[in-house]
């Protein structure tokens, strides 16, 4: 997993995604957004700048899932 440490990861979820976030943070730097509290423009800007995006569908409102 050394190849992952130099990548930009964005995780969009909510407070229930802590288990996933804690696991992935062991391997790389992660920018975390709460889908219900952070602004959608801020989230989309970070998503476009990231190498990988994890959009946790069960933890996000529908308007995040259509883009």
N, C-alpha and C. Protein backbone atom coordinates (compact mmCIF):
# COMPACT_ATOMS: atom_id res chain seq x y z
N UNK A 1 0.81 -1.21 0.00
CA UNK A 1 0.00 0.00 0.00
C UNK A 1 0.85 1.27 0.00
N UNK A 2 2.13 1.16 -0.26
CA UNK A 2 2.98 2.35 -0.26
C UNK A 2 2.63 3.30 -1.40
N UNK A 3 2.10 2.78 -2.51
CA UNK A 3 1.71 3.62 -3.64
C UNK A 3 0.58 4.57 -3.26
N UNK A 4 -0.19 4.22 -2.25
CA UNK A 4 -1.35 5.00 -1.85
C UNK A 4 -0.99 6.23 -1.02
N UNK A 5 0.16 6.21 -0.37
CA UNK A 5 0.50 7.30 0.55
C UNK A 5 0.67 8.64 -0.13
N UNK A 6 0.97 8.67 -1.43
CA UNK A 6 1.16 9.93 -2.15
C UNK A 6 -0.10 10.40 -2.88
N UNK A 7 -1.18 9.70 -2.74
CA UNK A 7 -2.42 10.04 -3.44
C UNK A 7 -3.31 10.91 -2.57
N UNK A 8 -4.12 11.74 -3.23
CA UNK A 8 -5.10 12.57 -2.54
C UNK A 8 -6.43 11.82 -2.52
N UNK A 9 -6.92 11.56 -1.32
CA UNK A 9 -8.20 10.89 -1.16
C UNK A 9 -9.21 11.81 -0.51
N UNK A 10 -10.42 11.76 -1.00
CA UNK A 10 -11.53 12.50 -0.40
C UNK A 10 -12.59 11.48 -0.01
N UNK A 11 -13.09 11.61 1.20
CA UNK A 11 -14.18 10.76 1.67
C UNK A 11 -15.35 11.66 2.02
N UNK A 12 -16.50 11.38 1.41
CA UNK A 12 -17.72 12.12 1.70
C UNK A 12 -18.68 11.15 2.37
N UNK A 13 -19.01 11.44 3.60
CA UNK A 13 -19.89 10.57 4.36
C UNK A 13 -20.60 11.35 5.44
N UNK A 14 -20.69 10.77 6.61
CA UNK A 14 -21.24 11.46 7.78
C UNK A 14 -20.63 10.82 9.03
N UNK A 15 -21.20 11.11 10.17
CA UNK A 15 -20.61 10.63 11.42
C UNK A 15 -20.59 9.10 11.51
N UNK A 16 -21.41 8.42 10.74
CA UNK A 16 -21.46 6.96 10.79
C UNK A 16 -20.37 6.31 9.95
N UNK A 17 -19.58 7.10 9.23
CA UNK A 17 -18.52 6.55 8.40
C UNK A 17 -17.17 6.54 9.11
N UNK A 18 -17.15 6.76 10.40
CA UNK A 18 -15.90 6.85 11.17
C UNK A 18 -15.07 5.57 11.08
N UNK A 19 -15.69 4.42 11.10
CA UNK A 19 -14.95 3.16 11.03
C UNK A 19 -14.16 3.04 9.74
N UNK A 20 -14.79 3.36 8.62
CA UNK A 20 -14.11 3.33 7.33
C UNK A 20 -12.98 4.34 7.28
N UNK A 21 -13.24 5.54 7.76
CA UNK A 21 -12.24 6.61 7.73
C UNK A 21 -11.04 6.25 8.60
N UNK A 22 -11.27 5.69 9.76
CA UNK A 22 -10.17 5.30 10.64
C UNK A 22 -9.28 4.24 10.00
N UNK A 23 -9.86 3.34 9.25
CA UNK A 23 -9.07 2.30 8.57
C UNK A 23 -8.25 2.89 7.43
N UNK A 24 -8.84 3.73 6.61
CA UNK A 24 -8.14 4.25 5.43
C UNK A 24 -7.04 5.24 5.83
N UNK A 25 -7.22 5.93 6.95
CA UNK A 25 -6.20 6.89 7.41
C UNK A 25 -4.89 6.22 7.80
N UNK A 26 -4.90 4.93 7.98
CA UNK A 26 -3.67 4.20 8.29
C UNK A 26 -2.71 4.18 7.10
N UNK A 27 -3.25 4.35 5.90
CA UNK A 27 -2.46 4.17 4.68
C UNK A 27 -2.19 5.45 3.90
N UNK A 28 -2.95 6.51 4.16
CA UNK A 28 -2.78 7.72 3.36
C UNK A 28 -3.41 8.91 4.07
N UNK A 29 -3.19 10.08 3.48
CA UNK A 29 -3.83 11.29 3.98
C UNK A 29 -5.19 11.42 3.34
N UNK A 30 -6.17 11.71 4.15
CA UNK A 30 -7.56 11.74 3.69
C UNK A 30 -8.18 13.09 4.04
N UNK A 31 -8.87 13.66 3.08
CA UNK A 31 -9.66 14.86 3.34
C UNK A 31 -11.09 14.38 3.53
N UNK A 32 -11.69 14.73 4.65
CA UNK A 32 -12.99 14.19 5.04
C UNK A 32 -14.04 15.30 5.01
N UNK A 33 -15.19 14.98 4.44
CA UNK A 33 -16.31 15.91 4.40
C UNK A 33 -17.54 15.23 4.94
N UNK A 34 -18.31 15.98 5.71
CA UNK A 34 -19.60 15.50 6.18
C UNK A 34 -20.63 15.95 5.14
N UNK A 35 -21.30 15.02 4.52
CA UNK A 35 -22.21 15.33 3.43
C UNK A 35 -23.38 16.19 3.86
N UNK A 36 -23.71 16.18 5.15
CA UNK A 36 -24.85 16.95 5.64
C UNK A 36 -24.44 18.31 6.20
N UNK A 37 -23.17 18.49 6.54
CA UNK A 37 -22.75 19.73 7.19
C UNK A 37 -21.86 20.62 6.32
N UNK A 38 -21.06 20.03 5.44
CA UNK A 38 -20.15 20.82 4.59
C UNK A 38 -20.87 21.24 3.31
N UNK A 39 -20.46 22.38 2.78
CA UNK A 39 -21.09 22.92 1.58
C UNK A 39 -20.82 22.08 0.35
N UNK A 40 -21.82 21.97 -0.51
CA UNK A 40 -21.70 21.12 -1.68
C UNK A 40 -20.64 21.64 -2.66
N UNK A 41 -20.48 22.96 -2.78
CA UNK A 41 -19.45 23.50 -3.67
C UNK A 41 -18.06 23.14 -3.17
N UNK A 42 -17.86 23.23 -1.87
CA UNK A 42 -16.58 22.87 -1.25
C UNK A 42 -16.27 21.38 -1.48
N UNK A 43 -17.27 20.55 -1.33
CA UNK A 43 -17.09 19.11 -1.53
C UNK A 43 -16.75 18.80 -2.97
N UNK A 44 -17.48 19.39 -3.93
CA UNK A 44 -17.23 19.11 -5.34
C UNK A 44 -15.86 19.62 -5.78
N UNK A 45 -15.44 20.75 -5.26
CA UNK A 45 -14.11 21.28 -5.59
C UNK A 45 -13.03 20.29 -5.12
N UNK A 46 -13.16 19.79 -3.91
CA UNK A 46 -12.19 18.82 -3.38
C UNK A 46 -12.25 17.51 -4.17
N UNK A 47 -13.43 17.10 -4.58
CA UNK A 47 -13.58 15.86 -5.35
C UNK A 47 -12.84 15.96 -6.68
N UNK A 48 -12.92 17.11 -7.33
CA UNK A 48 -12.27 17.28 -8.63
C UNK A 48 -10.75 17.34 -8.51
N UNK A 49 -10.24 17.73 -7.34
CA UNK A 49 -8.80 17.83 -7.12
C UNK A 49 -8.18 16.54 -6.59
N UNK A 50 -9.02 15.56 -6.27
CA UNK A 50 -8.53 14.33 -5.65
C UNK A 50 -8.19 13.27 -6.68
N UNK A 51 -7.31 12.35 -6.26
CA UNK A 51 -6.99 11.18 -7.09
C UNK A 51 -8.08 10.12 -6.96
N UNK A 52 -8.60 9.97 -5.75
CA UNK A 52 -9.65 9.00 -5.48
C UNK A 52 -10.71 9.65 -4.61
N UNK A 53 -11.97 9.31 -4.86
CA UNK A 53 -13.09 9.82 -4.07
C UNK A 53 -13.92 8.64 -3.60
N UNK A 54 -14.19 8.61 -2.32
CA UNK A 54 -15.10 7.63 -1.75
C UNK A 54 -16.36 8.39 -1.34
N UNK A 55 -17.41 8.20 -2.08
CA UNK A 55 -18.71 8.80 -1.78
C UNK A 55 -19.55 7.71 -1.15
N UNK A 56 -19.69 7.78 0.15
CA UNK A 56 -20.40 6.74 0.89
C UNK A 56 -21.90 6.97 0.71
N UNK A 57 -22.48 6.26 -0.22
CA UNK A 57 -23.85 6.49 -0.67
C UNK A 57 -24.86 6.43 0.47
N UNK A 58 -24.71 5.50 1.36
CA UNK A 58 -25.64 5.38 2.48
C UNK A 58 -25.51 6.50 3.50
N UNK A 59 -24.47 7.31 3.37
CA UNK A 59 -24.20 8.38 4.33
C UNK A 59 -24.29 9.77 3.67
N UNK A 60 -24.89 9.85 2.49
CA UNK A 60 -24.93 11.10 1.75
C UNK A 60 -26.34 11.37 1.23
N UNK A 61 -26.73 12.64 1.18
CA UNK A 61 -28.03 12.96 0.59
C UNK A 61 -28.02 12.73 -0.93
N UNK A 62 -29.17 12.61 -1.51
CA UNK A 62 -29.29 12.28 -2.94
C UNK A 62 -28.64 13.30 -3.85
N UNK A 63 -28.63 14.57 -3.50
CA UNK A 63 -28.08 15.59 -4.41
C UNK A 63 -26.58 15.46 -4.59
N UNK A 64 -25.88 14.72 -3.75
CA UNK A 64 -24.46 14.47 -3.92
C UNK A 64 -24.22 13.33 -4.91
N UNK A 65 -25.19 12.48 -5.06
CA UNK A 65 -25.02 11.25 -5.82
C UNK A 65 -25.28 11.42 -7.32
N UNK A 66 -25.82 12.53 -7.74
CA UNK A 66 -26.18 12.70 -9.14
C UNK A 66 -25.05 13.31 -9.97
N UNK A 67 -23.99 13.73 -9.34
CA UNK A 67 -22.88 14.35 -10.07
C UNK A 67 -21.83 13.33 -10.27
